[in-house]
């Protein structure tokens, strides 16, 4: 029979091992994200260096909600990161998130850029702007005016069913209602220089080619083009345009976001909240601005010089949750007016 002191020492050793294992597990978290790896990795590396917490990342181009839902209560996901407010709202609607009460997040993320129940928070923004030919004699455009006859045959835009445009049309509906939105979409379609399609950067390319005078597109692509990150050809497209920050007549400039939510069954919840809070810090917001030319959500955070050259962004105060409620009806209106035909 083993002596009592030996049993005591063994018990203490076992307890120490379990404690150490628990501590080790507590120093990591699992991130599921649909964001580009090249953008996310610099942020995660900086977080790990600052905190010592390892981030295990699962990159999912599509099917984020479906993956987490299929894993159920045993899902290892701690933090869910996605692009587009609609995708974040879907995570909430499917019951895959949990609320986070955080003074840090409340102070850094404006109320209209987060879920009212604190289920998700915006981390960066991209504005839906106007690319214009450099010699165009205007520096001010409203979204409403895009349907005016003066723009007939002069506008380029990608598919109306693309989430970037569905979000804009949903925002228009939040300001003006469905009937006026349908009328506006009809007018906008009549003003197109070519069939709706391609990507946002094609709008700049077609302005250079003389096909259109203005294009509706996202702000961050200008940084990618004018910086040369997209190559010499795209630099020429970017150099051919100026950027106008349009506004709604009764609001500001429409933005969409990237954001994140803590998973409902997060096994490392505290670490997930810690990462979420880090992502709205001055350091992380600067990385967002430099890596992908996005606008920071935190008031006063640095903006990349290319993006800052557009002028001061006045974000439309309409809550994103109100905008995403209109997505289905906006999509139906796109088909009704034959926008992509």
C-alpha atoms as a PDB file:
ATOM      1  CA  UNK A   1       0.000   0.000   0.000  1.00  0.00           C
ATOM      2  CA  UNK A   2       1.334   3.458  -0.919  1.00  0.00           C
ATOM      3  CA  UNK A   3       1.981   5.860   1.947  1.00  0.00           C
ATOM      4  CA  UNK A   4      -0.374   8.767   2.615  1.00  0.00           C
ATOM      5  CA  UNK A   5       2.265  11.400   1.779  1.00  0.00           C
ATOM      6  CA  UNK A   6       2.793   9.751  -1.650  1.00  0.00           C
ATOM      7  CA  UNK A   7      -0.960   9.798  -2.351  1.00  0.00           C
ATOM      8  CA  UNK A   8      -1.123  13.439  -1.287  1.00  0.00           C
ATOM      9  CA  UNK A   9       1.808  14.370  -3.526  1.00  0.00           C
ATOM     10  CA  UNK A  10       0.193  12.514  -6.460  1.00  0.00           C
ATOM     11  CA  UNK A  11      -3.098  14.256  -5.898  1.00  0.00           C
ATOM     12  CA  UNK A  12      -1.408  17.648  -5.766  1.00  0.00           C
ATOM     13  CA  UNK A  13       0.563  16.871  -8.922  1.00  0.00           C
ATOM     14  CA  UNK A  14      -2.624  15.814 -10.726  1.00  0.00           C
ATOM     15  CA  UNK A  15      -4.368  19.019  -9.641  1.00  0.00           C
ATOM     16  CA  UNK A  16      -1.434  21.092 -10.872  1.00  0.00           C
ATOM     17  CA  UNK A  17      -1.509  19.363 -14.271  1.00  0.00           C
ATOM     18  CA  UNK A  18      -5.233  19.982 -14.647  1.00  0.00           C
ATOM     19  CA  UNK A  19      -4.823  23.616 -13.636  1.00  0.00           C
ATOM     20  CA  UNK A  20      -2.000  24.074 -16.111  1.00  0.00           C
ATOM     21  CA  UNK A  21      -4.047  22.455 -18.859  1.00  0.00           C
ATOM     22  CA  UNK A  22      -6.992  24.720 -18.096  1.00  0.00           C
ATOM     23  CA  UNK A  23      -4.722  27.779 -18.171  1.00  0.00           C
ATOM     24  CA  UNK A  24      -3.284  26.703 -21.495  1.00  0.00           C
ATOM     25  CA  UNK A  25      -6.750  26.253 -22.955  1.00  0.00           C
ATOM     26  CA  UNK A  26      -7.743  29.668 -21.654  1.00  0.00           C
ATOM     27  CA  UNK A  27      -4.909  31.265 -23.655  1.00  0.00           C
ATOM     28  CA  UNK A  28      -6.446  30.534 -27.016  1.00  0.00           C
ATOM     29  CA  UNK A  29      -9.655  31.114 -28.936  1.00  0.00           C
ATOM     30  CA  UNK A  30     -11.227  29.957 -32.186  1.00  0.00           C
ATOM     31  CA  UNK A  31     -12.191  32.480 -34.849  1.00  0.00           C
ATOM     32  CA  UNK A  32     -14.497  31.607 -37.733  1.00  0.00           C
ATOM     33  CA  UNK A  33     -14.296  34.252 -40.442  1.00  0.00           C
ATOM     34  CA  UNK A  34     -15.287  34.931 -44.030  1.00  0.00           C
ATOM     35  CA  UNK A  35     -12.842  37.838 -44.244  1.00  0.00           C
ATOM     36  CA  UNK A  36      -9.807  37.696 -46.529  1.00  0.00           C
ATOM     37  CA  UNK A  37      -6.899  35.937 -44.744  1.00  0.00           C
ATOM     38  CA  UNK A  38      -4.481  38.658 -45.834  1.00  0.00           C
ATOM     39  CA  UNK A  39      -6.476  41.269 -43.932  1.00  0.00           C
ATOM     40  CA  UNK A  40      -7.272  39.267 -40.807  1.00  0.00           C
ATOM     41  CA  UNK A  41      -3.848  37.757 -40.155  1.00  0.00           C
ATOM     42  CA  UNK A  42      -1.997  41.033 -39.379  1.00  0.00           C
ATOM     43  CA  UNK A  43      -4.690  41.893 -36.831  1.00  0.00           C
ATOM     44  CA  UNK A  44      -4.515  38.499 -35.162  1.00  0.00           C
ATOM     45  CA  UNK A  45      -0.723  38.520 -35.064  1.00  0.00           C
ATOM     46  CA  UNK A  46      -0.766  41.894 -33.330  1.00  0.00           C
ATOM     47  CA  UNK A  47      -3.386  40.668 -30.857  1.00  0.00           C
ATOM     48  CA  UNK A  48      -1.373  37.561 -29.984  1.00  0.00           C
ATOM     49  CA  UNK A  49       1.791  39.594 -29.545  1.00  0.00           C
ATOM     50  CA  UNK A  50      -0.044  41.990 -27.240  1.00  0.00           C
ATOM     51  CA  UNK A  51      -1.917  39.424 -25.135  1.00  0.00           C
ATOM     52  CA  UNK A  52      -0.208  36.059 -25.551  1.00  0.00           C
ATOM     53  CA  UNK A  53      -3.546  34.569 -26.632  1.00  0.00           C
ATOM     54  CA  UNK A  54      -3.327  32.290 -29.674  1.00  0.00           C
ATOM     55  CA  UNK A  55      -6.069  32.629 -32.281  1.00  0.00           C
ATOM     56  CA  UNK A  56      -6.961  29.465 -34.184  1.00  0.00           C
ATOM     57  CA  UNK A  57      -8.579  30.626 -37.418  1.00  0.00           C
ATOM     58  CA  UNK A  58     -11.043  28.865 -39.706  1.00  0.00           C
ATOM     59  CA  UNK A  59     -11.458  30.739 -43.003  1.00  0.00           C
ATOM     60  CA  UNK A  60     -14.845  30.153 -44.630  1.00  0.00           C
ATOM     61  CA  UNK A  61     -15.484  31.841 -47.961  1.00  0.00           C
ATOM     62  CA  UNK A  62     -19.144  30.859 -47.779  1.00  0.00           C
ATOM     63  CA  UNK A  63     -21.517  29.143 -45.375  1.00  0.00           C
ATOM     64  CA  UNK A  64     -20.382  30.630 -42.055  1.00  0.00           C
ATOM     65  CA  UNK A  65     -23.830  30.444 -40.463  1.00  0.00           C
ATOM     66  CA  UNK A  66     -24.460  26.967 -41.859  1.00  0.00           C
ATOM     67  CA  UNK A  67     -21.152  25.678 -40.477  1.00  0.00           C
ATOM     68  CA  UNK A  68     -21.771  26.974 -36.968  1.00  0.00           C
ATOM     69  CA  UNK A  69     -25.387  25.801 -36.972  1.00  0.00           C
ATOM     70  CA  UNK A  70     -24.371  22.296 -38.043  1.00  0.00           C
ATOM     71  CA  UNK A  71     -21.860  22.067 -35.201  1.00  0.00           C
ATOM     72  CA  UNK A  72     -24.525  22.908 -32.633  1.00  0.00           C
ATOM     73  CA  UNK A  73     -23.695  23.163 -28.940  1.00  0.00           C
ATOM     74  CA  UNK A  74     -20.377  21.377 -29.489  1.00  0.00           C
ATOM     75  CA  UNK A  75     -19.122  24.083 -31.887  1.00  0.00           C
ATOM     76  CA  UNK A  76     -15.580  25.216 -31.007  1.00  0.00           C
ATOM     77  CA  UNK A  77     -16.273  28.658 -32.528  1.00  0.00           C
ATOM     78  CA  UNK A  78     -15.705  31.565 -30.142  1.00  0.00           C
ATOM     79  CA  UNK A  79     -15.868  34.605 -32.422  1.00  0.00           C
ATOM     80  CA  UNK A  80     -17.701  34.916 -35.750  1.00  0.00           C
ATOM     81  CA  UNK A  81     -16.427  37.573 -38.179  1.00  0.00           C
ATOM     82  CA  UNK A  82     -18.185  38.516 -41.421  1.00  0.00           C
ATOM     83  CA  UNK A  83     -18.543  41.176 -44.097  1.00  0.00           C
ATOM     84  CA  UNK A  84     -21.923  42.884 -44.647  1.00  0.00           C
ATOM     85  CA  UNK A  85     -24.388  43.808 -41.935  1.00  0.00           C
ATOM     86  CA  UNK A  86     -26.910  41.417 -43.451  1.00  0.00           C
ATOM     87  CA  UNK A  87     -24.661  38.434 -42.796  1.00  0.00           C
ATOM     88  CA  UNK A  88     -24.253  39.467 -39.171  1.00  0.00           C
ATOM     89  CA  UNK A  89     -28.006  39.908 -38.811  1.00  0.00           C
ATOM     90  CA  UNK A  90     -28.476  36.412 -40.215  1.00  0.00           C
ATOM     91  CA  UNK A  91     -26.230  34.992 -37.481  1.00  0.00           C
ATOM     92  CA  UNK A  92     -28.449  36.622 -34.868  1.00  0.00           C
ATOM     93  CA  UNK A  93     -31.661  35.484 -36.554  1.00  0.00           C
ATOM     94  CA  UNK A  94     -30.388  31.889 -36.572  1.00  0.00           C
ATOM     95  CA  UNK A  95     -29.647  32.038 -32.830  1.00  0.00           C
ATOM     96  CA  UNK A  96     -25.884  31.614 -33.259  1.00  0.00           C
ATOM     97  CA  UNK A  97     -24.681  34.592 -31.199  1.00  0.00           C
ATOM     98  CA  UNK A  98     -24.824  35.923 -27.665  1.00  0.00           C
ATOM     99  CA  UNK A  99     -24.951  39.469 -26.252  1.00  0.00           C
ATOM    100  CA  UNK A 100     -21.823  41.216 -25.009  1.00  0.00           C
ATOM    101  CA  UNK A 101     -21.991  44.028 -22.492  1.00  0.00           C
ATOM    102  CA  UNK A 102     -18.767  45.989 -22.844  1.00  0.00           C
ATOM    103  CA  UNK A 103     -18.001  49.617 -22.021  1.00  0.00           C
ATOM    104  CA  UNK A 104     -15.074  49.445 -24.441  1.00  0.00           C
ATOM    105  CA  UNK A 105     -17.267  48.392 -27.363  1.00  0.00           C
ATOM    106  CA  UNK A 106     -20.059  50.798 -26.462  1.00  0.00           C
ATOM    107  CA  UNK A 107     -17.603  53.698 -26.428  1.00  0.00           C
ATOM    108  CA  UNK A 108     -15.849  52.739 -29.673  1.00  0.00           C
ATOM    109  CA  UNK A 109     -18.713  51.612 -31.932  1.00  0.00           C
ATOM    110  CA  UNK A 110     -21.480  54.137 -32.729  1.00  0.00           C
ATOM    111  CA  UNK A 111     -24.966  52.946 -31.864  1.00  0.00           C
ATOM    112  CA  UNK A 112     -26.173  52.780 -35.482  1.00  0.00           C
ATOM    113  CA  UNK A 113     -23.256  50.462 -36.333  1.00  0.00           C
ATOM    114  CA  UNK A 114     -24.045  47.730 -33.818  1.00  0.00           C
ATOM    115  CA  UNK A 115     -26.869  45.415 -32.955  1.00  0.00           C
ATOM    116  CA  UNK A 116     -29.288  47.058 -30.495  1.00  0.00           C
ATOM    117  CA  UNK A 117     -29.074  43.949 -28.328  1.00  0.00           C
ATOM    118  CA  UNK A 118     -25.249  43.995 -28.511  1.00  0.00           C
ATOM    119  CA  UNK A 119     -25.174  40.726 -30.451  1.00  0.00           C
ATOM    120  CA  UNK A 120     -22.709  42.061 -33.066  1.00  0.00           C
ATOM    121  CA  UNK A 121     -20.451  45.071 -33.526  1.00  0.00           C
ATOM    122  CA  UNK A 122     -19.041  46.790 -36.606  1.00  0.00           C
ATOM    123  CA  UNK A 123     -15.234  46.777 -36.851  1.00  0.00           C
ATOM    124  CA  UNK A 124     -14.615  48.663 -40.106  1.00  0.00           C
ATOM    125  CA  UNK A 125     -16.608  50.495 -42.775  1.00  0.00           C
ATOM    126  CA  UNK A 126     -16.665  50.889 -46.536  1.00  0.00           C
ATOM    127  CA  UNK A 127     -18.661  53.751 -48.053  1.00  0.00           C
ATOM    128  CA  UNK A 128     -20.799  53.456 -51.200  1.00  0.00           C
ATOM    129  CA  UNK A 129     -19.377  56.379 -53.142  1.00  0.00           C
ATOM    130  CA  UNK A 130     -19.314  57.907 -56.597  1.00  0.00           C
ATOM    131  CA  UNK A 131     -16.324  57.489 -58.902  1.00  0.00           C
ATOM    132  CA  UNK A 132     -16.355  60.450 -61.298  1.00  0.00           C
ATOM    133  CA  UNK A 133     -14.312  61.481 -64.310  1.00  0.00           C
ATOM    134  CA  UNK A 134     -11.695  63.947 -63.136  1.00  0.00           C
ATOM    135  CA  UNK A 135     -12.965  66.714 -65.413  1.00  0.00           C
ATOM    136  CA  UNK A 136     -16.586  66.328 -64.316  1.00  0.00           C
ATOM    137  CA  UNK A 137     -17.836  69.730 -63.208  1.00  0.00           C
ATOM    138  CA  UNK A 138     -19.387  68.707 -59.917  1.00  0.00           C
ATOM    139  CA  UNK A 139     -18.185  67.732 -56.470  1.00  0.00           C
ATOM    140  CA  UNK A 140     -21.564  67.101 -54.869  1.00  0.00           C
ATOM    141  CA  UNK A 141     -24.102  64.370 -55.656  1.00  0.00           C
ATOM    142  CA  UNK A 142     -27.022  62.922 -53.724  1.00  0.00           C
ATOM    143  CA  UNK A 143     -28.115  59.318 -54.090  1.00  0.00           C
ATOM    144  CA  UNK A 144     -31.559  60.604 -55.055  1.00  0.00           C
ATOM    145  CA  UNK A 145     -30.152  62.640 -57.969  1.00  0.00           C
ATOM    146  CA  UNK A 146     -28.738  59.512 -59.660  1.00  0.00           C
ATOM    147  CA  UNK A 147     -32.207  58.997 -61.167  1.00  0.00           C
ATOM    148  CA  UNK A 148     -32.325  62.518 -62.645  1.00  0.00           C
ATOM    149  CA  UNK A 149     -32.484  62.750 -66.472  1.00  0.00           C
ATOM    150  CA  UNK A 150     -29.209  64.723 -66.595  1.00  0.00           C
ATOM    151  CA  UNK A 151     -27.355  61.427 -65.973  1.00  0.00           C
ATOM    152  CA  UNK A 152     -29.034  59.518 -68.809  1.00  0.00           C
ATOM    153  CA  UNK A 153     -26.494  57.164 -70.419  1.00  0.00           C
ATOM    154  CA  UNK A 154     -23.731  58.289 -68.052  1.00  0.00           C
ATOM    155  CA  UNK A 155     -23.747  55.869 -65.067  1.00  0.00           C
ATOM    156  CA  UNK A 156     -21.977  52.534 -64.536  1.00  0.00           C
ATOM    157  CA  UNK A 157     -22.850  50.117 -61.725  1.00  0.00           C
ATOM    158  CA  UNK A 158     -22.498  46.433 -60.920  1.00  0.00           C
ATOM    159  CA  UNK A 159     -25.453  44.032 -60.640  1.00  0.00           C
ATOM    160  CA  UNK A 160     -28.353  45.342 -58.618  1.00  0.00           C
ATOM    161  CA  UNK A 161     -28.515  41.964 -56.877  1.00  0.00           C
ATOM    162  CA  UNK A 162     -24.979  42.236 -55.545  1.00  0.00           C
ATOM    163  CA  UNK A 163     -25.031  42.669 -51.738  1.00  0.00           C
ATOM    164  CA  UNK A 164     -23.216  46.025 -52.023  1.00  0.00           C
ATOM    165  CA  UNK A 165     -26.085  47.424 -54.083  1.00  0.00           C
ATOM    166  CA  UNK A 166     -28.871  45.576 -52.289  1.00  0.00           C
ATOM    167  CA  UNK A 167     -27.658  47.252 -49.095  1.00  0.00           C
ATOM    168  CA  UNK A 168     -27.685  50.686 -50.756  1.00  0.00           C
ATOM    169  CA  UNK A 169     -31.163  50.137 -52.177  1.00  0.00           C
ATOM    170  CA  UNK A 170     -32.328  48.925 -48.753  1.00  0.00           C
ATOM    171  CA  UNK A 171     -30.968  52.130 -47.232  1.00  0.00           C
ATOM    172  CA  UNK A 172     -32.804  54.175 -49.859  1.00  0.00           C
ATOM    173  CA  UNK A 173     -35.987  52.350 -48.878  1.00  0.00           C
ATOM    174  CA  UNK A 174     -35.375  53.174 -45.217  1.00  0.00           C
ATOM    175  CA  UNK A 175     -35.318  56.850 -46.183  1.00  0.00           C
ATOM    176  CA  UNK A 176     -38.077  56.948 -48.801  1.00  0.00           C
ATOM    177  CA  UNK A 177     -40.234  53.821 -48.674  1.00  0.00           C
ATOM    178  CA  UNK A 178     -40.812  51.057 -51.224  1.00  0.00           C
ATOM    179  CA  UNK A 179     -42.863  52.962 -53.815  1.00  0.00           C
ATOM    180  CA  UNK A 180     -40.366  55.802 -54.160  1.00  0.00           C
ATOM    181  CA  UNK A 181     -37.487  53.320 -54.209  1.00  0.00           C
ATOM    182  CA  UNK A 182     -39.052  51.475 -57.135  1.00  0.00           C
ATOM    183  CA  UNK A 183     -39.465  54.754 -59.025  1.00  0.00           C
ATOM    184  CA  UNK A 184     -35.866  55.695 -58.237  1.00  0.00           C
ATOM    185  CA  UNK A 185     -34.521  52.328 -59.393  1.00  0.00           C
ATOM    186  CA  UNK A 186     -36.429  52.711 -62.652  1.00  0.00           C
ATOM    187  CA  UNK A 187     -34.841  56.117 -63.191  1.00  0.00           C
ATOM    188  CA  UNK A 188     -31.388  54.864 -62.256  1.00  0.00           C
ATOM    189  CA  UNK A 189     -31.669  51.962 -64.699  1.00  0.00           C
ATOM    190  CA  UNK A 190     -32.684  54.402 -67.449  1.00  0.00           C
ATOM    191  CA  UNK A 191     -29.477  56.353 -66.798  1.00  0.00           C
ATOM    192  CA  UNK A 192     -27.079  53.417 -67.166  1.00  0.00           C
ATOM    193  CA  UNK A 193     -24.384  53.686 -69.819  1.00  0.00           C
ATOM    194  CA  UNK A 194     -24.200  49.903 -70.072  1.00  0.00           C
ATOM    195  CA  UNK A 195     -25.923  46.888 -68.590  1.00  0.00           C
ATOM    196  CA  UNK A 196     -25.465  46.585 -64.847  1.00  0.00           C
ATOM    197  CA  UNK A 197     -22.654  44.123 -64.142  1.00  0.00           C
ATOM    198  CA  UNK A 198     -18.953  43.573 -63.571  1.00  0.00           C
ATOM    199  CA  UNK A 199     -17.216  44.705 -60.405  1.00  0.00           C
ATOM    200  CA  UNK A 200     -16.752  48.066 -58.727  1.00  0.00           C
ATOM    201  CA  UNK A 201     -13.316  48.571 -60.245  1.00  0.00           C
ATOM    202  CA  UNK A 202     -14.838  48.078 -63.699  1.00  0.00           C
ATOM    203  CA  UNK A 203     -16.640  51.366 -63.089  1.00  0.00           C
ATOM    204  CA  UNK A 204     -13.300  53.197 -62.886  1.00  0.00           C
ATOM    205  CA  UNK A 205     -12.020  51.278 -65.912  1.00  0.00           C
ATOM    206  CA  UNK A 206     -15.073  52.275 -67.934  1.00  0.00           C
ATOM    207  CA  UNK A 207     -14.753  55.919 -66.908  1.00  0.00           C
ATOM    208  CA  UNK A 208     -11.193  55.848 -68.237  1.00  0.00           C
ATOM    209  CA  UNK A 209     -12.517  54.224 -71.418  1.00  0.00           C
ATOM    210  CA  UNK A 210     -15.140  56.919 -71.899  1.00  0.00           C
ATOM    211  CA  UNK A 211     -18.105  54.583 -71.427  1.00  0.00           C
ATOM    212  CA  UNK A 212     -19.540  56.432 -68.428  1.00  0.00           C
ATOM    213  CA  UNK A 213     -18.979  59.651 -66.494  1.00  0.00           C
ATOM    214  CA  UNK A 214     -19.742  58.335 -63.022  1.00  0.00           C
ATOM    215  CA  UNK A 215     -19.924  54.944 -61.294  1.00  0.00           C
ATOM    216  CA  UNK A 216     -21.421  53.735 -58.013  1.00  0.00           C
ATOM    217  CA  UNK A 217     -18.771  51.770 -56.121  1.00  0.00           C
ATOM    218  CA  UNK A 218     -17.077  51.098 -52.784  1.00  0.00           C
ATOM    219  CA  UNK A 219     -14.517  53.451 -51.320  1.00  0.00           C
ATOM    220  CA  UNK A 220     -11.764  50.973 -50.463  1.00  0.00           C
ATOM    221  CA  UNK A 221     -11.232  49.882 -54.075  1.00  0.00           C
ATOM    222  CA  UNK A 222      -9.839  53.349 -54.783  1.00  0.00           C
ATOM    223  CA  UNK A 223      -7.079  52.723 -52.259  1.00  0.00           C
ATOM    224  CA  UNK A 224      -6.279  49.376 -53.849  1.00  0.00           C
ATOM    225  CA  UNK A 225      -6.121  50.968 -57.303  1.00  0.00           C
ATOM    226  CA  UNK A 226      -4.354  54.243 -56.570  1.00  0.00           C
ATOM    227  CA  UNK A 227      -1.771  52.637 -54.266  1.00  0.00           C
ATOM    228  CA  UNK A 228      -0.659  50.287 -57.018  1.00  0.00           C
ATOM    229  CA  UNK A 229      -1.562  47.172 -55.024  1.00  0.00           C
ATOM    230  CA  UNK A 230      -3.797  46.092 -57.893  1.00  0.00           C
ATOM    231  CA  UNK A 231      -1.035  46.511 -60.484  1.00  0.00           C
ATOM    232  CA  UNK A 232      -0.186  49.193 -63.032  1.00  0.00           C
ATOM    233  CA  UNK A 233      -3.354  48.733 -65.082  1.00  0.00           C
ATOM    234  CA  UNK A 234      -5.590  49.302 -62.069  1.00  0.00           C
ATOM    235  CA  UNK A 235      -3.453  52.252 -60.984  1.00  0.00           C
ATOM    236  CA  UNK A 236      -4.343  53.887 -64.309  1.00  0.00           C
ATOM    237  CA  UNK A 237      -8.039  53.271 -63.603  1.00  0.00           C
ATOM    238  CA  UNK A 238      -7.710  54.819 -60.151  1.00  0.00           C
ATOM    239  CA  UNK A 239      -5.790  57.813 -61.447  1.00  0.00           C
ATOM    240  CA  UNK A 240      -8.567  58.518 -63.967  1.00  0.00           C
ATOM    241  CA  UNK A 241     -11.178  59.259 -61.322  1.00  0.00           C
ATOM    242  CA  UNK A 242     -12.021  61.515 -58.427  1.00  0.00           C
ATOM    243  CA  UNK A 243     -14.245  60.388 -55.573  1.00  0.00           C
ATOM    244  CA  UNK A 244     -17.411  62.131 -54.453  1.00  0.00           C
ATOM    245  CA  UNK A 245     -18.997  61.236 -51.117  1.00  0.00           C
ATOM    246  CA  UNK A 246     -22.725  61.202 -51.933  1.00  0.00           C
ATOM    247  CA  UNK A 247     -25.383  61.637 -49.284  1.00  0.00           C
ATOM    248  CA  UNK A 248     -29.077  61.067 -48.876  1.00  0.00           C
ATOM    249  CA  UNK A 249     -31.017  64.322 -48.945  1.00  0.00           C
ATOM    250  CA  UNK A 250     -32.056  63.782 -45.331  1.00  0.00           C
ATOM    251  CA  UNK A 251     -28.962  61.877 -44.148  1.00  0.00           C
ATOM    252  CA  UNK A 252     -25.314  61.079 -44.745  1.00  0.00           C
ATOM    253  CA  UNK A 253     -23.274  58.640 -46.808  1.00  0.00           C
ATOM    254  CA  UNK A 254     -24.338  55.001 -46.890  1.00  0.00           C
ATOM    255  CA  UNK A 255     -21.795  52.578 -45.413  1.00  0.00           C
ATOM    256  CA  UNK A 256     -21.594  48.841 -45.038  1.00  0.00           C
ATOM    257  CA  UNK A 257     -19.349  47.078 -42.573  1.00  0.00           C
ATOM    258  CA  UNK A 258     -17.261  44.191 -41.481  1.00  0.00           C
ATOM    259  CA  UNK A 259     -18.088  43.062 -37.967  1.00  0.00           C
ATOM    260  CA  UNK A 260     -18.052  40.265 -35.441  1.00  0.00           C
ATOM    261  CA  UNK A 261     -20.165  38.495 -32.844  1.00  0.00           C
ATOM    262  CA  UNK A 262     -19.374  36.134 -29.986  1.00  0.00           C
ATOM    263  CA  UNK A 263     -20.692  32.646 -30.764  1.00  0.00           C
ATOM    264  CA  UNK A 264     -23.571  31.402 -28.628  1.00  0.00           C
ATOM    265  CA  UNK A 265     -21.673  28.355 -27.337  1.00  0.00           C
ATOM    266  CA  UNK A 266     -18.197  29.946 -27.247  1.00  0.00           C
ATOM    267  CA  UNK A 267     -15.946  27.739 -25.070  1.00  0.00           C
ATOM    268  CA  UNK A 268     -13.501  30.648 -24.644  1.00  0.00           C
ATOM    269  CA  UNK A 269     -15.950  33.509 -24.263  1.00  0.00           C
ATOM    270  CA  UNK A 270     -13.719  35.822 -22.219  1.00  0.00           C
ATOM    271  CA  UNK A 271     -10.922  35.569 -24.770  1.00  0.00           C
ATOM    272  CA  UNK A 272     -13.390  36.180 -27.602  1.00  0.00           C
ATOM    273  CA  UNK A 273     -14.584  39.383 -25.929  1.00  0.00           C
ATOM    274  CA  UNK A 274     -10.964  40.392 -25.393  1.00  0.00           C
ATOM    275  CA  UNK A 275     -10.264  40.009 -29.123  1.00  0.00           C
ATOM    276  CA  UNK A 276     -13.447  41.870 -30.012  1.00  0.00           C
ATOM    277  CA  UNK A 277     -12.410  44.767 -27.785  1.00  0.00           C
ATOM    278  CA  UNK A 278      -8.899  44.731 -29.251  1.00  0.00           C
ATOM    279  CA  UNK A 279     -10.309  45.027 -32.773  1.00  0.00           C
ATOM    280  CA  UNK A 280     -11.769  48.453 -31.947  1.00  0.00           C
ATOM    281  CA  UNK A 281      -8.552  49.698 -30.340  1.00  0.00           C
ATOM    282  CA  UNK A 282      -6.506  52.473 -31.960  1.00  0.00           C
ATOM    283  CA  UNK A 283      -3.854  49.932 -32.969  1.00  0.00           C
ATOM    284  CA  UNK A 284      -6.263  47.554 -34.674  1.00  0.00           C
ATOM    285  CA  UNK A 285      -8.264  50.309 -36.340  1.00  0.00           C
ATOM    286  CA  UNK A 286      -5.017  51.629 -37.846  1.00  0.00           C
ATOM    287  CA  UNK A 287      -4.235  48.153 -39.227  1.00  0.00           C
ATOM    288  CA  UNK A 288      -7.679  47.999 -40.839  1.00  0.00           C
ATOM    289  CA  UNK A 289      -7.078  51.375 -42.469  1.00  0.00           C
ATOM    290  CA  UNK A 290      -3.636  50.435 -43.792  1.00  0.00           C
ATOM    291  CA  UNK A 291      -4.329  46.864 -44.877  1.00  0.00           C
ATOM    292  CA  UNK A 292      -7.543  47.328 -46.846  1.00  0.00           C
ATOM    293  CA  UNK A 293      -8.228  51.078 -47.040  1.00  0.00           C
ATOM    294  CA  UNK A 294     -11.344  50.750 -44.925  1.00  0.00           C
ATOM    295  CA  UNK A 295     -12.774  53.440 -42.694  1.00  0.00           C
ATOM    296  CA  UNK A 296     -12.334  52.837 -38.965  1.00  0.00           C
ATOM    297  CA  UNK A 297     -15.510  52.704 -36.907  1.00  0.00           C
ATOM    298  CA  UNK A 298     -13.916  54.287 -33.853  1.00  0.00           C
ATOM    299  CA  UNK A 299     -14.368  58.058 -33.885  1.00  0.00           C
ATOM    300  CA  UNK A 300     -11.063  59.857 -34.269  1.00  0.00           C
ATOM    301  CA  UNK A 301      -9.101  56.820 -35.476  1.00  0.00           C
ATOM    302  CA  UNK A 302      -6.615  57.371 -38.295  1.00  0.00           C
ATOM    303  CA  UNK A 303      -7.783  57.066 -41.918  1.00  0.00           C
ATOM    304  CA  UNK A 304      -5.448  56.138 -44.777  1.00  0.00           C
ATOM    305  CA  UNK A 305      -4.319  59.276 -46.677  1.00  0.00           C
ATOM    306  CA  UNK A 306      -5.860  58.104 -49.968  1.00  0.00           C
ATOM    307  CA  UNK A 307      -9.237  57.622 -48.317  1.00  0.00           C
ATOM    308  CA  UNK A 308      -8.892  60.817 -46.292  1.00  0.00           C
ATOM    309  CA  UNK A 309      -8.421  62.750 -49.542  1.00  0.00           C
ATOM    310  CA  UNK A 310     -12.112  62.169 -50.375  1.00  0.00           C
ATOM    311  CA  UNK A 311     -13.100  64.583 -47.625  1.00  0.00           C
ATOM    312  CA  UNK A 312     -14.812  64.079 -44.294  1.00  0.00           C
ATOM    313  CA  UNK A 313     -17.168  61.115 -44.192  1.00  0.00           C
ATOM    314  CA  UNK A 314     -20.559  61.890 -42.661  1.00  0.00           C
ATOM    315  CA  UNK A 315     -22.061  58.457 -42.036  1.00  0.00           C
ATOM    316  CA  UNK A 316     -25.781  58.051 -42.608  1.00  0.00           C
ATOM    317  CA  UNK A 317     -27.225  57.707 -39.085  1.00  0.00           C
ATOM    318  CA  UNK A 318     -29.889  55.165 -40.112  1.00  0.00           C
ATOM    319  CA  UNK A 319     -29.330  52.026 -37.982  1.00  0.00           C
ATOM    320  CA  UNK A 320     -27.916  49.172 -40.030  1.00  0.00           C
ATOM    321  CA  UNK A 321     -30.409  46.807 -38.427  1.00  0.00           C
ATOM    322  CA  UNK A 322     -33.218  48.869 -39.913  1.00  0.00           C
ATOM    323  CA  UNK A 323     -31.560  48.803 -43.338  1.00  0.00           C
ATOM    324  CA  UNK A 324     -31.051  45.039 -43.432  1.00  0.00           C
ATOM    325  CA  UNK A 325     -34.741  44.493 -42.712  1.00  0.00           C
ATOM    326  CA  UNK A 326     -35.419  45.793 -46.244  1.00  0.00           C
ATOM    327  CA  UNK A 327     -33.043  43.416 -48.077  1.00  0.00           C
ATOM    328  CA  UNK A 328     -35.649  40.971 -49.352  1.00  0.00           C
ATOM    329  CA  UNK A 329     -38.009  43.662 -50.609  1.00  0.00           C
ATOM    330  CA  UNK A 330     -35.133  45.605 -52.188  1.00  0.00           C
ATOM    331  CA  UNK A 331     -34.036  42.473 -54.043  1.00  0.00           C
ATOM    332  CA  UNK A 332     -37.584  41.951 -55.284  1.00  0.00           C
ATOM    333  CA  UNK A 333     -37.703  45.537 -56.568  1.00  0.00           C
ATOM    334  CA  UNK A 334     -34.457  44.986 -58.492  1.00  0.00           C
ATOM    335  CA  UNK A 335     -36.126  42.128 -60.351  1.00  0.00           C
ATOM    336  CA  UNK A 336     -39.416  43.972 -60.767  1.00  0.00           C
ATOM    337  CA  UNK A 337     -37.829  46.899 -62.608  1.00  0.00           C
ATOM    338  CA  UNK A 338     -35.523  44.581 -64.608  1.00  0.00           C
ATOM    339  CA  UNK A 339     -32.499  46.416 -63.270  1.00  0.00           C
ATOM    340  CA  UNK A 340     -29.962  43.834 -64.446  1.00  0.00           C
ATOM    341  CA  UNK A 341     -31.590  43.197 -67.837  1.00  0.00           C
END
